[in-house]
Amino acid sequence: MLIDDVILFVLFSWVIPLSLFVFYQLTTAKHGTKHARRRLKWREIAPVMRILVAQKAALILVVAFIALVRFIGDFPGREWVAFGLYTLLVGLAWVVLIYQRRVQLPQERRIRNL
């Protein structure tokens, strides 16, 4: 087994917890049933969870892209798909930072004004 195969196995095994995280954040237990779940509306999800779900979904897309390139090989537009996915990750990182600061600033201002 080559190290590349081990790396791919580890990377693909990451998709399972990422997918389960997304699934359990977007659904909730259905009343009166043992295993059934119902989908939540996007507005029912807390803003922090929305960000985390978006990050996990973006990471799943990146791993899927890596698998596609690994198994299919080079294809036309590969660089543009990679650019879009990596730009998505950077954009999400900035959204998380901006949201974090919006949540933290009122508390920081209150502490500094004491």
PDB file of N, CA and C in Angstrom:
ATOM      1  N   MET A   1       0.845  -1.179   0.000  1.00  0.00           N
ATOM      2  CA  MET A   1       0.000   0.000   0.000  1.00  0.00           C
ATOM      3  C   MET A   1       0.892   1.244   0.000  1.00  0.00           C
ATOM      4  N   LEU A   2       0.666   2.116  -0.927  1.00  0.00           N
ATOM      5  CA  LEU A   2       1.445   3.343  -1.032  1.00  0.00           C
ATOM      6  C   LEU A   2       0.961   4.381  -0.030  1.00  0.00           C
ATOM      7  N   ILE A   3       1.832   5.298   0.282  1.00  0.00           N
ATOM      8  CA  ILE A   3       1.459   6.362   1.210  1.00  0.00           C
ATOM      9  C   ILE A   3       0.313   7.196   0.643  1.00  0.00           C
ATOM     10  N   ASP A   4       0.259   7.343  -0.690  1.00  0.00           N
ATOM     11  CA  ASP A   4      -0.850   8.088  -1.301  1.00  0.00           C
ATOM     12  C   ASP A   4      -2.184   7.418  -1.011  1.00  0.00           C
ATOM     13  N   ASP A   5      -2.201   6.081  -1.025  1.00  0.00           N
ATOM     14  CA  ASP A   5      -3.433   5.357  -0.718  1.00  0.00           C
ATOM     15  C   ASP A   5      -3.842   5.548   0.739  1.00  0.00           C
ATOM     16  N   VAL A   6      -2.873   5.557   1.625  1.00  0.00           N
ATOM     17  CA  VAL A   6      -3.157   5.774   3.048  1.00  0.00           C
ATOM     18  C   VAL A   6      -3.695   7.184   3.274  1.00  0.00           C
ATOM     19  N   ILE A   7      -3.078   8.140   2.608  1.00  0.00           N
ATOM     20  CA  ILE A   7      -3.533   9.533   2.722  1.00  0.00           C
ATOM     21  C   ILE A   7      -4.979   9.652   2.242  1.00  0.00           C
ATOM     22  N   LEU A   8      -5.289   9.042   1.111  1.00  0.00           N
ATOM     23  CA  LEU A   8      -6.666   9.089   0.600  1.00  0.00           C
ATOM     24  C   LEU A   8      -7.639   8.416   1.555  1.00  0.00           C
ATOM     25  N   PHE A   9      -7.252   7.278   2.128  1.00  0.00           N
ATOM     26  CA  PHE A   9      -8.119   6.591   3.078  1.00  0.00           C
ATOM     27  C   PHE A   9      -8.419   7.485   4.284  1.00  0.00           C
ATOM     28  N   VAL A  10      -7.385   8.125   4.815  1.00  0.00           N
ATOM     29  CA  VAL A  10      -7.577   9.022   5.959  1.00  0.00           C
ATOM     30  C   VAL A  10      -8.468  10.198   5.568  1.00  0.00           C
ATOM     31  N   LEU A  11      -8.230  10.759   4.394  1.00  0.00           N
ATOM     32  CA  LEU A  11      -9.031  11.886   3.922  1.00  0.00           C
ATOM     33  C   LEU A  11     -10.489  11.490   3.723  1.00  0.00           C
ATOM     34  N   PHE A  12     -10.721  10.328   3.127  1.00  0.00           N
ATOM     35  CA  PHE A  12     -12.100   9.872   2.908  1.00  0.00           C
ATOM     36  C   PHE A  12     -12.785   9.517   4.217  1.00  0.00           C
ATOM     37  N   SER A  13     -12.040   9.011   5.179  1.00  0.00           N
ATOM     38  CA  SER A  13     -12.650   8.685   6.466  1.00  0.00           C
ATOM     39  C   SER A  13     -13.084   9.948   7.209  1.00  0.00           C
ATOM     40  N   TRP A  14     -12.540  11.084   6.835  1.00  0.00           N
ATOM     41  CA  TRP A  14     -12.932  12.364   7.410  1.00  0.00           C
ATOM     42  C   TRP A  14     -14.344  12.753   6.963  1.00  0.00           C
ATOM     43  N   VAL A  15     -14.754  12.303   5.794  1.00  0.00           N
ATOM     44  CA  VAL A  15     -16.066  12.672   5.254  1.00  0.00           C
ATOM     45  C   VAL A  15     -17.196  12.114   6.128  1.00  0.00           C
ATOM     46  N   ILE A  16     -16.979  10.978   6.752  1.00  0.00           N
ATOM     47  CA  ILE A  16     -18.043  10.369   7.568  1.00  0.00           C
ATOM     48  C   ILE A  16     -18.440  11.275   8.736  1.00  0.00           C
ATOM     49  N   PRO A  17     -17.506  11.695   9.604  1.00  0.00           N
ATOM     50  CA  PRO A  17     -17.942  12.584  10.685  1.00  0.00           C
ATOM     51  C   PRO A  17     -18.423  13.952  10.190  1.00  0.00           C
ATOM     52  N   LEU A  18     -17.836  14.442   9.105  1.00  0.00           N
ATOM     53  CA  LEU A  18     -18.314  15.713   8.547  1.00  0.00           C
ATOM     54  C   LEU A  18     -19.763  15.593   8.098  1.00  0.00           C
ATOM     55  N   SER A  19     -20.078  14.518   7.387  1.00  0.00           N
ATOM     56  CA  SER A  19     -21.439  14.302   6.890  1.00  0.00           C
ATOM     57  C   SER A  19     -22.421  14.091   8.034  1.00  0.00           C
ATOM     58  N   LEU A  20     -22.010  13.322   9.032  1.00  0.00           N
ATOM     59  CA  LEU A  20     -22.902  13.100  10.177  1.00  0.00           C
ATOM     60  C   LEU A  20     -23.148  14.389  10.945  1.00  0.00           C
ATOM     61  N   PHE A  21     -22.126  15.235  11.076  1.00  0.00           N
ATOM     62  CA  PHE A  21     -22.308  16.525  11.735  1.00  0.00           C
ATOM     63  C   PHE A  21     -23.358  17.351  10.998  1.00  0.00           C
ATOM     64  N   VAL A  22     -23.219  17.433   9.681  1.00  0.00           N
ATOM     65  CA  VAL A  22     -24.173  18.200   8.874  1.00  0.00           C
ATOM     66  C   VAL A  22     -25.576  17.607   9.020  1.00  0.00           C
ATOM     67  N   PHE A  23     -25.685  16.286   8.928  1.00  0.00           N
ATOM     68  CA  PHE A  23     -26.986  15.630   9.032  1.00  0.00           C
ATOM     69  C   PHE A  23     -27.660  15.924  10.372  1.00  0.00           C
ATOM     70  N   TYR A  24     -26.945  15.777  11.468  1.00  0.00           N
ATOM     71  CA  TYR A  24     -27.548  15.971  12.782  1.00  0.00           C
ATOM     72  C   TYR A  24     -27.816  17.438  13.101  1.00  0.00           C
ATOM     73  N   GLN A  25     -27.118  18.351  12.468  1.00  0.00           N
ATOM     74  CA  GLN A  25     -27.415  19.762  12.678  1.00  0.00           C
ATOM     75  C   GLN A  25     -28.609  20.229  11.860  1.00  0.00           C
ATOM     76  N   LEU A  26     -28.848  19.570  10.732  1.00  0.00           N
ATOM     77  CA  LEU A  26     -29.965  19.968   9.864  1.00  0.00           C
ATOM     78  C   LEU A  26     -31.249  19.211  10.162  1.00  0.00           C
ATOM     79  N   THR A  27     -31.199  18.261  11.091  1.00  0.00           N
ATOM     80  CA  THR A  27     -32.391  17.486  11.442  1.00  0.00           C
ATOM     81  C   THR A  27     -32.554  17.456  12.951  1.00  0.00           C
ATOM     82  N   THR A  28     -33.747  17.099  13.379  1.00  0.00           N
ATOM     83  CA  THR A  28     -34.019  16.933  14.803  1.00  0.00           C
ATOM     84  C   THR A  28     -34.912  15.712  14.974  1.00  0.00           C
ATOM     85  N   ALA A  29     -34.937  15.170  16.177  1.00  0.00           N
ATOM     86  CA  ALA A  29     -35.753  13.990  16.440  1.00  0.00           C
ATOM     87  C   ALA A  29     -37.231  14.310  16.241  1.00  0.00           C
ATOM     88  N   LYS A  30     -37.933  13.360  15.677  1.00  0.00           N
ATOM     89  CA  LYS A  30     -39.371  13.518  15.434  1.00  0.00           C
ATOM     90  C   LYS A  30     -40.118  12.981  16.650  1.00  0.00           C
ATOM     91  N   HIS A  31     -41.046  13.748  17.159  1.00  0.00           N
ATOM     92  CA  HIS A  31     -41.785  13.376  18.365  1.00  0.00           C
ATOM     93  C   HIS A  31     -42.566  12.083  18.147  1.00  0.00           C
ATOM     94  N   GLY A  32     -42.461  11.177  19.110  1.00  0.00           N
ATOM     95  CA  GLY A  32     -43.247   9.953  19.084  1.00  0.00           C
ATOM     96  C   GLY A  32     -42.668   8.832  18.237  1.00  0.00           C
ATOM     97  N   THR A  33     -41.463   9.009  17.692  1.00  0.00           N
ATOM     98  CA  THR A  33     -40.848   7.958  16.884  1.00  0.00           C
ATOM     99  C   THR A  33     -39.498   7.587  17.489  1.00  0.00           C
ATOM    100  N   LYS A  34     -39.040   6.402  17.146  1.00  0.00           N
ATOM    101  CA  LYS A  34     -37.775   5.938  17.711  1.00  0.00           C
ATOM    102  C   LYS A  34     -36.562   6.450  16.929  1.00  0.00           C
ATOM    103  N   HIS A  35     -36.628   6.427  15.597  1.00  0.00           N
ATOM    104  CA  HIS A  35     -35.457   6.793  14.799  1.00  0.00           C
ATOM    105  C   HIS A  35     -35.717   7.912  13.790  1.00  0.00           C
ATOM    106  N   ALA A  36     -36.971   8.239  13.552  1.00  0.00           N
ATOM    107  CA  ALA A  36     -37.283   9.224  12.514  1.00  0.00           C
ATOM    108  C   ALA A  36     -36.778  10.615  12.900  1.00  0.00           C
ATOM    109  N   ARG A  37     -36.402  11.364  11.896  1.00  0.00           N
ATOM    110  CA  ARG A  37     -35.938  12.732  12.102  1.00  0.00           C
ATOM    111  C   ARG A  37     -36.661  13.638  11.123  1.00  0.00           C
ATOM    112  N   ARG A  38     -36.775  14.896  11.477  1.00  0.00           N
ATOM    113  CA  ARG A  38     -37.378  15.869  10.561  1.00  0.00           C
ATOM    114  C   ARG A  38     -36.345  16.939  10.248  1.00  0.00           C
ATOM    115  N   ARG A  39     -36.447  17.466   9.026  1.00  0.00           N
ATOM    116  CA  ARG A  39     -35.532  18.529   8.610  1.00  0.00           C
ATOM    117  C   ARG A  39     -35.892  19.822   9.312  1.00  0.00           C
ATOM    118  N   LEU A  40     -34.867  20.558   9.689  1.00  0.00           N
ATOM    119  CA  LEU A  40     -35.076  21.879  10.269  1.00  0.00           C
ATOM    120  C   LEU A  40     -35.082  22.911   9.148  1.00  0.00           C
ATOM    121  N   LYS A  41     -35.827  23.966   9.345  1.00  0.00           N
ATOM    122  CA  LYS A  41     -35.755  25.086   8.418  1.00  0.00           C
ATOM    123  C   LYS A  41     -34.461  25.844   8.716  1.00  0.00           C
ATOM    124  N   TRP A  42     -33.899  26.449   7.699  1.00  0.00           N
ATOM    125  CA  TRP A  42     -32.619  27.148   7.845  1.00  0.00           C
ATOM    126  C   TRP A  42     -32.692  28.206   8.939  1.00  0.00           C
ATOM    127  N   ARG A  43     -33.839  28.848   9.084  1.00  0.00           N
ATOM    128  CA  ARG A  43     -33.988  29.909  10.095  1.00  0.00           C
ATOM    129  C   ARG A  43     -34.061  29.358  11.517  1.00  0.00           C
ATOM    130  N   GLU A  44     -34.377  28.081  11.659  1.00  0.00           N
ATOM    131  CA  GLU A  44     -34.440  27.461  12.987  1.00  0.00           C
ATOM    132  C   GLU A  44     -33.052  27.146  13.539  1.00  0.00           C
ATOM    133  N   ILE A  45     -32.052  27.151  12.686  1.00  0.00           N
ATOM    134  CA  ILE A  45     -30.697  26.797  13.095  1.00  0.00           C
ATOM    135  C   ILE A  45     -29.987  28.046  13.603  1.00  0.00           C
ATOM    136  N   ALA A  46     -29.294  27.915  14.720  1.00  0.00           N
ATOM    137  CA  ALA A  46     -28.562  29.044  15.296  1.00  0.00           C
ATOM    138  C   ALA A  46     -27.495  29.525  14.310  1.00  0.00           C
ATOM    139  N   PRO A  47     -27.221  30.830  14.298  1.00  0.00           N
ATOM    140  CA  PRO A  47     -26.224  31.362  13.356  1.00  0.00           C
ATOM    141  C   PRO A  47     -24.857  30.688  13.441  1.00  0.00           C
ATOM    142  N   VAL A  48     -24.408  30.358  14.627  1.00  0.00           N
ATOM    143  CA  VAL A  48     -23.114  29.694  14.762  1.00  0.00           C
ATOM    144  C   VAL A  48     -23.168  28.330  14.087  1.00  0.00           C
ATOM    145  N   MET A  49     -24.259  27.617  14.256  1.00  0.00           N
ATOM    146  CA  MET A  49     -24.397  26.297  13.636  1.00  0.00           C
ATOM    147  C   MET A  49     -24.480  26.417  12.112  1.00  0.00           C
ATOM    148  N   ARG A  50     -25.097  27.477  11.618  1.00  0.00           N
ATOM    149  CA  ARG A  50     -25.144  27.694  10.166  1.00  0.00           C
ATOM    150  C   ARG A  50     -23.723  27.806   9.608  1.00  0.00           C
ATOM    151  N   ILE A  51     -22.891  28.550  10.303  1.00  0.00           N
ATOM    152  CA  ILE A  51     -21.511  28.718   9.862  1.00  0.00           C
ATOM    153  C   ILE A  51     -20.778  27.387   9.892  1.00  0.00           C
ATOM    154  N   LEU A  52     -20.948  26.636  10.966  1.00  0.00           N
ATOM    155  CA  LEU A  52     -20.275  25.342  11.069  1.00  0.00           C
ATOM    156  C   LEU A  52     -20.751  24.367   9.996  1.00  0.00           C
ATOM    157  N   VAL A  53     -22.052  24.360   9.728  1.00  0.00           N
ATOM    158  CA  VAL A  53     -22.585  23.485   8.680  1.00  0.00           C
ATOM    159  C   VAL A  53     -22.013  23.892   7.323  1.00  0.00           C
ATOM    160  N   ALA A  54     -21.944  25.191   7.060  1.00  0.00           N
ATOM    161  CA  ALA A  54     -21.376  25.661   5.792  1.00  0.00           C
ATOM    162  C   ALA A  54     -19.912  25.263   5.664  1.00  0.00           C
ATOM    163  N   GLN A  55     -19.156  25.380   6.741  1.00  0.00           N
ATOM    164  CA  GLN A  55     -17.743  24.978   6.699  1.00  0.00           C
ATOM    165  C   GLN A  55     -17.605  23.484   6.434  1.00  0.00           C
ATOM    166  N   LYS A  56     -18.406  22.686   7.129  1.00  0.00           N
ATOM    167  CA  LYS A  56     -18.325  21.230   6.933  1.00  0.00           C
ATOM    168  C   LYS A  56     -18.726  20.853   5.511  1.00  0.00           C
ATOM    169  N   ALA A  57     -19.752  21.488   4.980  1.00  0.00           N
ATOM    170  CA  ALA A  57     -20.183  21.203   3.604  1.00  0.00           C
ATOM    171  C   ALA A  57     -19.080  21.590   2.615  1.00  0.00           C
ATOM    172  N   ALA A  58     -18.418  22.711   2.845  1.00  0.00           N
ATOM    173  CA  ALA A  58     -17.325  23.123   1.965  1.00  0.00           C
ATOM    174  C   ALA A  58     -16.166  22.124   2.030  1.00  0.00           C
ATOM    175  N   LEU A  59     -15.862  21.638   3.214  1.00  0.00           N
ATOM    176  CA  LEU A  59     -14.801  20.642   3.346  1.00  0.00           C
ATOM    177  C   LEU A  59     -15.165  19.332   2.656  1.00  0.00           C
ATOM    178  N   ILE A  60     -16.432  18.945   2.733  1.00  0.00           N
ATOM    179  CA  ILE A  60     -16.886  17.745   2.021  1.00  0.00           C
ATOM    180  C   ILE A  60     -16.701  17.936   0.515  1.00  0.00           C
ATOM    181  N   LEU A  61     -17.025  19.119   0.013  1.00  0.00           N
ATOM    182  CA  LEU A  61     -16.834  19.398  -1.413  1.00  0.00           C
ATOM    183  C   LEU A  61     -15.359  19.335  -1.811  1.00  0.00           C
ATOM    184  N   VAL A  62     -14.475  19.839  -0.963  1.00  0.00           N
ATOM    185  CA  VAL A  62     -13.049  19.793  -1.262  1.00  0.00           C
ATOM    186  C   VAL A  62     -12.557  18.349  -1.305  1.00  0.00           C
ATOM    187  N   VAL A  63     -12.974  17.529  -0.348  1.00  0.00           N
ATOM    188  CA  VAL A  63     -12.565  16.126  -0.346  1.00  0.00           C
ATOM    189  C   VAL A  63     -13.125  15.408  -1.575  1.00  0.00           C
ATOM    190  N   ALA A  64     -14.369  15.708  -1.947  1.00  0.00           N
ATOM    191  CA  ALA A  64     -14.958  15.110  -3.146  1.00  0.00           C
ATOM    192  C   ALA A  64     -14.169  15.520  -4.393  1.00  0.00           C
ATOM    193  N   PHE A  65     -13.743  16.777  -4.453  1.00  0.00           N
ATOM    194  CA  PHE A  65     -12.943  17.248  -5.579  1.00  0.00           C
ATOM    195  C   PHE A  65     -11.603  16.517  -5.639  1.00  0.00           C
ATOM    196  N   ILE A  66     -10.973  16.342  -4.486  1.00  0.00           N
ATOM    197  CA  ILE A  66      -9.702  15.609  -4.438  1.00  0.00           C
ATOM    198  C   ILE A  66      -9.902  14.183  -4.935  1.00  0.00           C
ATOM    199  N   ALA A  67     -10.993  13.541  -4.506  1.00  0.00           N
ATOM    200  CA  ALA A  67     -11.279  12.175  -4.959  1.00  0.00           C
ATOM    201  C   ALA A  67     -11.514  12.143  -6.462  1.00  0.00           C
ATOM    202  N   LEU A  68     -12.241  13.118  -6.979  1.00  0.00           N
ATOM    203  CA  LEU A  68     -12.515  13.189  -8.417  1.00  0.00           C
ATOM    204  C   LEU A  68     -11.221  13.304  -9.211  1.00  0.00           C
ATOM    205  N   VAL A  69     -10.356  14.192  -8.778  1.00  0.00           N
ATOM    206  CA  VAL A  69      -9.086  14.373  -9.480  1.00  0.00           C
ATOM    207  C   VAL A  69      -8.218  13.124  -9.351  1.00  0.00           C
ATOM    208  N   ARG A  70      -8.251  12.507  -8.204  1.00  0.00           N
ATOM    209  CA  ARG A  70      -7.427  11.314  -7.979  1.00  0.00           C
ATOM    210  C   ARG A  70      -7.880  10.137  -8.853  1.00  0.00           C
ATOM    211  N   PHE A  71      -9.184   9.930  -8.966  1.00  0.00           N
ATOM    212  CA  PHE A  71      -9.682   8.764  -9.684  1.00  0.00           C
ATOM    213  C   PHE A  71      -9.925   9.007 -11.171  1.00  0.00           C
ATOM    214  N   ILE A  72     -10.310  10.213 -11.538  1.00  0.00           N
ATOM    215  CA  ILE A  72     -10.565  10.519 -12.952  1.00  0.00           C
ATOM    216  C   ILE A  72      -9.324  11.107 -13.613  1.00  0.00           C
ATOM    217  N   GLY A  73      -8.574  11.838 -12.846  1.00  0.00           N
ATOM    218  CA  GLY A  73      -7.397  12.495 -13.398  1.00  0.00           C
ATOM    219  C   GLY A  73      -7.715  13.927 -13.788  1.00  0.00           C
ATOM    220  N   ASP A  74      -6.864  14.470 -14.608  1.00  0.00           N
ATOM    221  CA  ASP A  74      -7.032  15.854 -15.031  1.00  0.00           C
ATOM    222  C   ASP A  74      -8.242  15.973 -15.949  1.00  0.00           C
ATOM    223  N   PHE A  75      -8.996  17.061 -15.809  1.00  0.00           N
ATOM    224  CA  PHE A  75     -10.129  17.318 -16.687  1.00  0.00           C
ATOM    225  C   PHE A  75     -10.183  18.810 -16.977  1.00  0.00           C
ATOM    226  N   PRO A  76     -10.822  19.192 -18.078  1.00  0.00           N
ATOM    227  CA  PRO A  76     -10.889  20.613 -18.426  1.00  0.00           C
ATOM    228  C   PRO A  76     -11.615  21.415 -17.340  1.00  0.00           C
ATOM    229  N   GLY A  77     -11.043  22.500 -16.938  1.00  0.00           N
ATOM    230  CA  GLY A  77     -11.641  23.354 -15.926  1.00  0.00           C
ATOM    231  C   GLY A  77     -11.286  22.968 -14.499  1.00  0.00           C
ATOM    232  N   ARG A  78     -10.405  22.004 -14.346  1.00  0.00           N
ATOM    233  CA  ARG A  78     -10.024  21.549 -12.999  1.00  0.00           C
ATOM    234  C   ARG A  78      -9.476  22.697 -12.162  1.00  0.00           C
ATOM    235  N   GLU A  79      -8.651  23.525 -12.762  1.00  0.00           N
ATOM    236  CA  GLU A  79      -8.058  24.637 -12.027  1.00  0.00           C
ATOM    237  C   GLU A  79      -9.122  25.623 -11.554  1.00  0.00           C
ATOM    238  N   TRP A  80     -10.152  25.838 -12.382  1.00  0.00           N
ATOM    239  CA  TRP A  80     -11.215  26.765 -12.009  1.00  0.00           C
ATOM    240  C   TRP A  80     -12.086  26.203 -10.890  1.00  0.00           C
ATOM    241  N   VAL A  81     -12.326  24.893 -10.925  1.00  0.00           N
ATOM    242  CA  VAL A  81     -13.081  24.262  -9.838  1.00  0.00           C
ATOM    243  C   VAL A  81     -12.284  24.363  -8.540  1.00  0.00           C
ATOM    244  N   ALA A  82     -10.982  24.075  -8.613  1.00  0.00           N
ATOM    245  CA  ALA A  82     -10.132  24.185  -7.434  1.00  0.00           C
ATOM    246  C   ALA A  82     -10.116  25.623  -6.917  1.00  0.00           C
ATOM    247  N   PHE A  83      -9.975  26.571  -7.819  1.00  0.00           N
ATOM    248  CA  PHE A  83      -9.977  27.988  -7.427  1.00  0.00           C
ATOM    249  C   PHE A  83     -11.282  28.346  -6.725  1.00  0.00           C
ATOM    250  N   GLY A  84     -12.410  27.900  -7.263  1.00  0.00           N
ATOM    251  CA  GLY A  84     -13.706  28.187  -6.647  1.00  0.00           C
ATOM    252  C   GLY A  84     -13.848  27.560  -5.267  1.00  0.00           C
ATOM    253  N   LEU A  85     -13.425  26.317  -5.137  1.00  0.00           N
ATOM    254  CA  LEU A  85     -13.526  25.647  -3.832  1.00  0.00           C
ATOM    255  C   LEU A  85     -12.627  26.299  -2.793  1.00  0.00           C
ATOM    256  N   TYR A  86     -11.408  26.609  -3.174  1.00  0.00           N
ATOM    257  CA  TYR A  86     -10.492  27.220  -2.222  1.00  0.00           C
ATOM    258  C   TYR A  86     -10.922  28.643  -1.875  1.00  0.00           C
ATOM    259  N   THR A  87     -11.490  29.343  -2.837  1.00  0.00           N
ATOM    260  CA  THR A  87     -12.033  30.668  -2.565  1.00  0.00           C
ATOM    261  C   THR A  87     -13.216  30.569  -1.601  1.00  0.00           C
ATOM    262  N   LEU A  88     -14.023  29.531  -1.764  1.00  0.00           N
ATOM    263  CA  LEU A  88     -15.133  29.293  -0.846  1.00  0.00           C
ATOM    264  C   LEU A  88     -14.621  29.097   0.581  1.00  0.00           C
ATOM    265  N   LEU A  89     -13.556  28.323   0.751  1.00  0.00           N
ATOM    266  CA  LEU A  89     -12.992  28.113   2.084  1.00  0.00           C
ATOM    267  C   LEU A  89     -12.479  29.415   2.691  1.00  0.00           C
ATOM    268  N   VAL A  90     -11.808  30.215   1.884  1.00  0.00           N
ATOM    269  CA  VAL A  90     -11.299  31.498   2.375  1.00  0.00           C
ATOM    270  C   VAL A  90     -12.461  32.419   2.732  1.00  0.00           C
ATOM    271  N   GLY A  91     -13.479  32.461   1.873  1.00  0.00           N
ATOM    272  CA  GLY A  91     -14.658  33.283   2.156  1.00  0.00           C
ATOM    273  C   GLY A  91     -15.346  32.872   3.446  1.00  0.00           C
ATOM    274  N   LEU A  92     -15.488  31.580   3.665  1.00  0.00           N
ATOM    275  CA  LEU A  92     -16.102  31.109   4.909  1.00  0.00           C
ATOM    276  C   LEU A  92     -15.253  31.476   6.119  1.00  0.00           C
ATOM    277  N   ALA A  93     -13.939  31.407   5.973  1.00  0.00           N
ATOM    278  CA  ALA A  93     -13.070  31.789   7.091  1.00  0.00           C
ATOM    279  C   ALA A  93     -13.280  33.256   7.457  1.00  0.00           C
ATOM    280  N   TRP A  94     -13.428  34.120   6.453  1.00  0.00           N
ATOM    281  CA  TRP A  94     -13.680  35.531   6.724  1.00  0.00           C
ATOM    282  C   TRP A  94     -15.060  35.747   7.341  1.00  0.00           C
ATOM    283  N   VAL A  95     -16.057  35.023   6.868  1.00  0.00           N
ATOM    284  CA  VAL A  95     -17.404  35.137   7.448  1.00  0.00           C
ATOM    285  C   VAL A  95     -17.377  34.744   8.919  1.00  0.00           C
ATOM    286  N   VAL A  96     -16.677  33.668   9.227  1.00  0.00           N
ATOM    287  CA  VAL A  96     -16.577  33.219  10.618  1.00  0.00           C
ATOM    288  C   VAL A  96     -15.892  34.279  11.473  1.00  0.00           C
ATOM    289  N   LEU A  97     -14.806  34.840  10.983  1.00  0.00           N
ATOM    290  CA  LEU A  97     -14.097  35.871  11.734  1.00  0.00           C
ATOM    291  C   LEU A  97     -14.979  37.096  11.962  1.00  0.00           C
ATOM    292  N   ILE A  98     -15.645  37.553  10.930  1.00  0.00           N
ATOM    293  CA  ILE A  98     -16.501  38.739  11.053  1.00  0.00           C
ATOM    294  C   ILE A  98     -17.649  38.468  12.018  1.00  0.00           C
ATOM    295  N   TYR A  99     -18.269  37.294  11.909  1.00  0.00           N
ATOM    296  CA  TYR A  99     -19.363  36.959  12.825  1.00  0.00           C
ATOM    297  C   TYR A  99     -18.849  36.870  14.267  1.00  0.00           C
ATOM    298  N   GLN A 100     -17.707  36.247  14.452  1.00  0.00           N
ATOM    299  CA  GLN A 100     -17.124  36.121  15.787  1.00  0.00           C
ATOM    300  C   GLN A 100     -16.904  37.497  16.393  1.00  0.00           C
ATOM    301  N   ARG A 101     -16.372  38.414  15.633  1.00  0.00           N
ATOM    302  CA  ARG A 101     -16.123  39.763  16.148  1.00  0.00           C
ATOM    303  C   ARG A 101     -17.433  40.492  16.435  1.00  0.00           C
ATOM    304  N   ARG A 102     -18.455  40.288  15.614  1.00  0.00           N
ATOM    305  CA  ARG A 102     -19.751  40.927  15.881  1.00  0.00           C
ATOM    306  C   ARG A 102     -20.344  40.432  17.194  1.00  0.00           C
ATOM    307  N   VAL A 103     -20.129  39.161  17.493  1.00  0.00           N
ATOM    308  CA  VAL A 103     -20.649  38.599  18.737  1.00  0.00           C
ATOM    309  C   VAL A 103     -19.807  39.060  19.928  1.00  0.00           C
ATOM    310  N   GLN A 104     -18.494  39.153  19.758  1.00  0.00           N
ATOM    311  CA  GLN A 104     -17.605  39.483  20.862  1.00  0.00           C
ATOM    312  C   GLN A 104     -17.548  40.970  21.202  1.00  0.00           C
ATOM    313  N   LEU A 105     -17.689  41.830  20.213  1.00  0.00           N
ATOM    314  CA  LEU A 105     -17.459  43.263  20.447  1.00  0.00           C
ATOM    315  C   LEU A 105     -18.352  43.877  21.516  1.00  0.00           C
ATOM    316  N   PRO A 106     -19.655  43.600  21.562  1.00  0.00           N
ATOM    317  CA  PRO A 106     -20.450  44.216  22.638  1.00  0.00           C
ATOM    318  C   PRO A 106     -19.938  43.853  24.039  1.00  0.00           C
ATOM    319  N   GLN A 107     -19.555  42.613  24.231  1.00  0.00           N
ATOM    320  CA  GLN A 107     -19.012  42.182  25.521  1.00  0.00           C
ATOM    321  C   GLN A 107     -17.679  42.873  25.804  1.00  0.00           C
ATOM    322  N   GLU A 108     -16.825  42.986  24.788  1.00  0.00           N
ATOM    323  CA  GLU A 108     -15.542  43.653  24.979  1.00  0.00           C
ATOM    324  C   GLU A 108     -15.744  45.128  25.335  1.00  0.00           C
ATOM    325  N   ARG A 109     -16.683  45.785  24.662  1.00  0.00           N
ATOM    326  CA  ARG A 109     -16.948  47.200  24.956  1.00  0.00           C
ATOM    327  C   ARG A 109     -17.459  47.367  26.378  1.00  0.00           C
ATOM    328  N   ARG A 110     -18.338  46.446  26.805  1.00  0.00           N
ATOM    329  CA  ARG A 110     -18.869  46.519  28.156  1.00  0.00           C
ATOM    330  C   ARG A 110     -17.744  46.340  29.172  1.00  0.00           C
ATOM    331  N   ILE A 111     -16.840  45.410  28.933  1.00  0.00           N
ATOM    332  CA  ILE A 111     -15.731  45.163  29.863  1.00  0.00           C
ATOM    333  C   ILE A 111     -14.799  46.362  29.909  1.00  0.00           C
ATOM    334  N   ARG A 112     -14.517  46.956  28.756  1.00  0.00           N
ATOM    335  CA  ARG A 112     -13.575  48.076  28.709  1.00  0.00           C
ATOM    336  C   ARG A 112     -14.158  49.340  29.349  1.00  0.00           C
ATOM    337  N   ASN A 113     -15.479  49.471  29.351  1.00  0.00           N
ATOM    338  CA  ASN A 113     -16.109  50.674  29.905  1.00  0.00           C
ATOM    339  C   ASN A 113     -16.354  50.580  31.402  1.00  0.00           C
ATOM    340  N   LEU A 114     -16.035  49.474  32.020  1.00  0.00           N
ATOM    341  CA  LEU A 114     -16.247  49.355  33.475  1.00  0.00           C
ATOM    342  C   LEU A 114     -15.263  50.157  34.261  1.00  0.00           C
TER     343      LEU A 114
END
